[in-house]
Amino acid sequence: MARTASVAEQILLTPTSSSSQSAEASRLTHTECLYAVIDVAADSTTAYNGPALLFGVYVNTVLSAHTLPITDASTTVVTIPASAAAGSIYTFPGIRFETSLIVNPNDSATGNITVAYRPI
């Protein structure tokens, strides 16, 4: 059985204009990341302890009536809205977290999210 070409091979083997090559290179860079499933009721949770790029947050279980800050050490970088519905997706172009990627909810917060990131 023949092997299917990887995304990188498809990009390299497909003749394109230079503007298309930039778009394809961007697609190639964003094809893979790691994830952390986080129970928001567990209070502050470190998704990754080190520099990372944040690509998105998916809400698995509806969030309580508390905003959900995502911090780089102690600095809030992004905030997911309170009461975000299950199935909500928040995507980012690759926000750089210099120190650590921490989900830091209110102590009474509930819900469950998946954080998509890539260590750098």
C-alpha atoms as a PDB file:
ATOM      1  CA  MET A   1       0.000   0.000   0.000  1.00  0.00           C
ATOM      2  CA  ALA A   2       1.352   3.434  -0.955  1.00  0.00           C
ATOM      3  CA  ARG A   3       2.122   5.939   1.784  1.00  0.00           C
ATOM      4  CA  THR A   4       0.231   9.247   1.824  1.00  0.00           C
ATOM      5  CA  ALA A   5       2.502  12.298   1.529  1.00  0.00           C
ATOM      6  CA  SER A   6       2.895  14.364   4.698  1.00  0.00           C
ATOM      7  CA  VAL A   7       1.760  17.988   4.756  1.00  0.00           C
ATOM      8  CA  ALA A   8       5.401  19.089   4.412  1.00  0.00           C
ATOM      9  CA  GLU A   9       5.895  16.870   1.366  1.00  0.00           C
ATOM     10  CA  GLN A  10       2.661  18.116  -0.201  1.00  0.00           C
ATOM     11  CA  ILE A  11       3.822  21.709   0.209  1.00  0.00           C
ATOM     12  CA  LEU A  12       7.274  21.014  -1.200  1.00  0.00           C
ATOM     13  CA  LEU A  13       5.948  19.028  -4.162  1.00  0.00           C
ATOM     14  CA  THR A  14       3.158  21.435  -5.149  1.00  0.00           C
ATOM     15  CA  PRO A  15       4.207  24.275  -7.503  1.00  0.00           C
ATOM     16  CA  THR A  16       2.921  27.575  -6.081  1.00  0.00           C
ATOM     17  CA  SER A  17       3.481  31.322  -6.312  1.00  0.00           C
ATOM     18  CA  SER A  18       5.601  33.035  -3.643  1.00  0.00           C
ATOM     19  CA  SER A  19       2.523  34.451  -1.857  1.00  0.00           C
ATOM     20  CA  SER A  20       0.997  30.973  -1.737  1.00  0.00           C
ATOM     21  CA  GLN A  21       4.250  29.597  -0.363  1.00  0.00           C
ATOM     22  CA  SER A  22       3.995  31.962   2.616  1.00  0.00           C
ATOM     23  CA  ALA A  23       0.461  30.810   3.346  1.00  0.00           C
ATOM     24  CA  GLU A  24       1.509  27.176   2.998  1.00  0.00           C
ATOM     25  CA  ALA A  25       4.527  27.668   5.257  1.00  0.00           C
ATOM     26  CA  SER A  26       2.191  29.150   7.881  1.00  0.00           C
ATOM     27  CA  ARG A  27      -0.107  26.138   7.552  1.00  0.00           C
ATOM     28  CA  LEU A  28       2.849  23.801   7.994  1.00  0.00           C
ATOM     29  CA  THR A  29       3.997  25.548  11.164  1.00  0.00           C
ATOM     30  CA  HIS A  30       0.584  25.264  12.794  1.00  0.00           C
ATOM     31  CA  THR A  31      -0.161  21.630  12.069  1.00  0.00           C
ATOM     32  CA  GLU A  32       0.747  20.129  15.417  1.00  0.00           C
ATOM     33  CA  CYS A  33       0.598  21.080  19.082  1.00  0.00           C
ATOM     34  CA  LEU A  34       0.262  19.549  22.529  1.00  0.00           C
ATOM     35  CA  TYR A  35      -2.780  19.819  24.755  1.00  0.00           C
ATOM     36  CA  ALA A  36      -3.701  19.871  28.423  1.00  0.00           C
ATOM     37  CA  VAL A  37      -7.196  19.053  29.670  1.00  0.00           C
ATOM     38  CA  ILE A  38      -7.838  21.187  32.729  1.00  0.00           C
ATOM     39  CA  ASP A  39     -10.508  20.870  35.398  1.00  0.00           C
ATOM     40  CA  VAL A  40     -11.152  24.490  36.311  1.00  0.00           C
ATOM     41  CA  ALA A  41     -12.441  23.501  39.786  1.00  0.00           C
ATOM     42  CA  ALA A  42      -8.872  22.408  40.653  1.00  0.00           C
ATOM     43  CA  ASP A  43      -7.947  26.104  40.970  1.00  0.00           C
ATOM     44  CA  SER A  44      -4.610  27.243  39.516  1.00  0.00           C
ATOM     45  CA  THR A  45      -3.191  24.657  37.085  1.00  0.00           C
ATOM     46  CA  THR A  46       0.050  24.883  35.124  1.00  0.00           C
ATOM     47  CA  ALA A  47      -0.604  23.629  31.582  1.00  0.00           C
ATOM     48  CA  TYR A  48       3.102  23.938  30.735  1.00  0.00           C
ATOM     49  CA  ASN A  49       6.005  25.020  32.939  1.00  0.00           C
ATOM     50  CA  GLY A  50       8.226  26.803  30.420  1.00  0.00           C
ATOM     51  CA  PRO A  51       8.030  29.056  27.361  1.00  0.00           C
ATOM     52  CA  ALA A  52       5.147  28.121  25.050  1.00  0.00           C
ATOM     53  CA  LEU A  53       2.869  29.332  22.260  1.00  0.00           C
ATOM     54  CA  LEU A  54      -0.871  29.293  22.983  1.00  0.00           C
ATOM     55  CA  PHE A  55      -2.994  28.344  19.954  1.00  0.00           C
ATOM     56  CA  GLY A  56      -6.407  27.840  21.456  1.00  0.00           C
ATOM     57  CA  VAL A  57      -8.817  26.952  24.217  1.00  0.00           C
ATOM     58  CA  TYR A  58     -11.769  24.594  23.781  1.00  0.00           C
ATOM     59  CA  VAL A  59     -14.517  24.550  26.412  1.00  0.00           C
ATOM     60  CA  ASN A  60     -15.454  20.921  27.184  1.00  0.00           C
ATOM     61  CA  THR A  61     -17.916  21.628  30.006  1.00  0.00           C
ATOM     62  CA  VAL A  62     -19.759  24.929  30.474  1.00  0.00           C
ATOM     63  CA  LEU A  63     -17.812  27.379  32.637  1.00  0.00           C
ATOM     64  CA  SER A  64     -19.271  28.871  35.800  1.00  0.00           C
ATOM     65  CA  ALA A  65     -20.074  32.562  36.191  1.00  0.00           C
ATOM     66  CA  HIS A  66     -16.395  33.458  36.615  1.00  0.00           C
ATOM     67  CA  THR A  67     -13.944  34.702  33.994  1.00  0.00           C
ATOM     68  CA  LEU A  68     -11.060  32.342  33.297  1.00  0.00           C
ATOM     69  CA  PRO A  69      -7.670  34.096  33.202  1.00  0.00           C
ATOM     70  CA  ILE A  70      -4.754  32.405  31.447  1.00  0.00           C
ATOM     71  CA  THR A  71      -1.489  33.777  32.755  1.00  0.00           C
ATOM     72  CA  ASP A  72       2.212  33.910  32.001  1.00  0.00           C
ATOM     73  CA  ALA A  73       3.561  33.502  35.544  1.00  0.00           C
ATOM     74  CA  SER A  74       1.493  36.187  37.343  1.00  0.00           C
ATOM     75  CA  THR A  75       0.563  38.321  34.280  1.00  0.00           C
ATOM     76  CA  THR A  76      -2.882  37.743  32.772  1.00  0.00           C
ATOM     77  CA  VAL A  77      -2.450  37.394  29.006  1.00  0.00           C
ATOM     78  CA  VAL A  78      -5.923  36.276  27.876  1.00  0.00           C
ATOM     79  CA  THR A  79      -9.254  35.833  29.635  1.00  0.00           C
ATOM     80  CA  ILE A  80     -11.996  33.403  28.634  1.00  0.00           C
ATOM     81  CA  PRO A  81     -15.456  34.900  29.324  1.00  0.00           C
ATOM     82  CA  ALA A  82     -17.562  33.794  32.275  1.00  0.00           C
ATOM     83  CA  SER A  83     -20.234  31.181  31.523  1.00  0.00           C
ATOM     84  CA  ALA A  84     -18.611  30.181  28.209  1.00  0.00           C
ATOM     85  CA  ALA A  85     -20.726  27.427  26.659  1.00  0.00           C
ATOM     86  CA  ALA A  86     -19.502  23.893  26.085  1.00  0.00           C
ATOM     87  CA  GLY A  87     -18.182  23.676  22.532  1.00  0.00           C
ATOM     88  CA  SER A  88     -16.874  27.251  22.499  1.00  0.00           C
ATOM     89  CA  ILE A  89     -13.515  27.603  20.752  1.00  0.00           C
ATOM     90  CA  TYR A  90     -11.085  30.477  21.267  1.00  0.00           C
ATOM     91  CA  THR A  91      -8.226  30.419  18.754  1.00  0.00           C
ATOM     92  CA  PHE A  92      -5.018  32.432  18.792  1.00  0.00           C
ATOM     93  CA  PRO A  93      -2.234  32.891  16.239  1.00  0.00           C
ATOM     94  CA  GLY A  94       0.374  31.579  18.681  1.00  0.00           C
ATOM     95  CA  ILE A  95       0.570  33.913  21.683  1.00  0.00           C
ATOM     96  CA  ARG A  96       4.010  33.630  23.270  1.00  0.00           C
ATOM     97  CA  PHE A  97       4.143  32.856  26.995  1.00  0.00           C
ATOM     98  CA  GLU A  98       7.693  33.536  28.190  1.00  0.00           C
ATOM     99  CA  THR A  99       7.675  31.780  31.581  1.00  0.00           C
ATOM    100  CA  SER A 100       4.755  29.381  31.954  1.00  0.00           C
ATOM    101  CA  LEU A 101       1.220  28.739  30.731  1.00  0.00           C
ATOM    102  CA  ILE A 102      -1.146  28.768  33.705  1.00  0.00           C
ATOM    103  CA  VAL A 103      -4.934  28.529  33.911  1.00  0.00           C
ATOM    104  CA  ASN A 104      -5.741  30.537  37.025  1.00  0.00           C
ATOM    105  CA  PRO A 105      -9.504  30.537  37.761  1.00  0.00           C
ATOM    106  CA  ASN A 106     -11.446  31.911  40.690  1.00  0.00           C
ATOM    107  CA  ASP A 107     -11.470  29.456  43.626  1.00  0.00           C
ATOM    108  CA  SER A 108     -15.218  28.860  43.108  1.00  0.00           C
ATOM    109  CA  ALA A 109     -14.993  28.356  39.326  1.00  0.00           C
ATOM    110  CA  THR A 110     -16.148  25.143  37.664  1.00  0.00           C
ATOM    111  CA  GLY A 111     -15.906  23.676  34.172  1.00  0.00           C
ATOM    112  CA  ASN A 112     -13.412  21.859  31.986  1.00  0.00           C
ATOM    113  CA  ILE A 113     -11.234  23.126  29.116  1.00  0.00           C
ATOM    114  CA  THR A 114      -8.606  21.874  26.695  1.00  0.00           C
ATOM    115  CA  VAL A 115      -5.620  24.173  26.125  1.00  0.00           C
ATOM    116  CA  ALA A 116      -3.719  23.745  22.820  1.00  0.00           C
ATOM    117  CA  TYR A 117      -0.086  24.890  23.023  1.00  0.00           C
ATOM    118  CA  ARG A 118       3.411  24.250  21.730  1.00  0.00           C
ATOM    119  CA  PRO A 119       6.560  24.414  23.885  1.00  0.00           C
ATOM    120  CA  ILE A 120       9.302  26.689  22.490  1.00  0.00           C
END
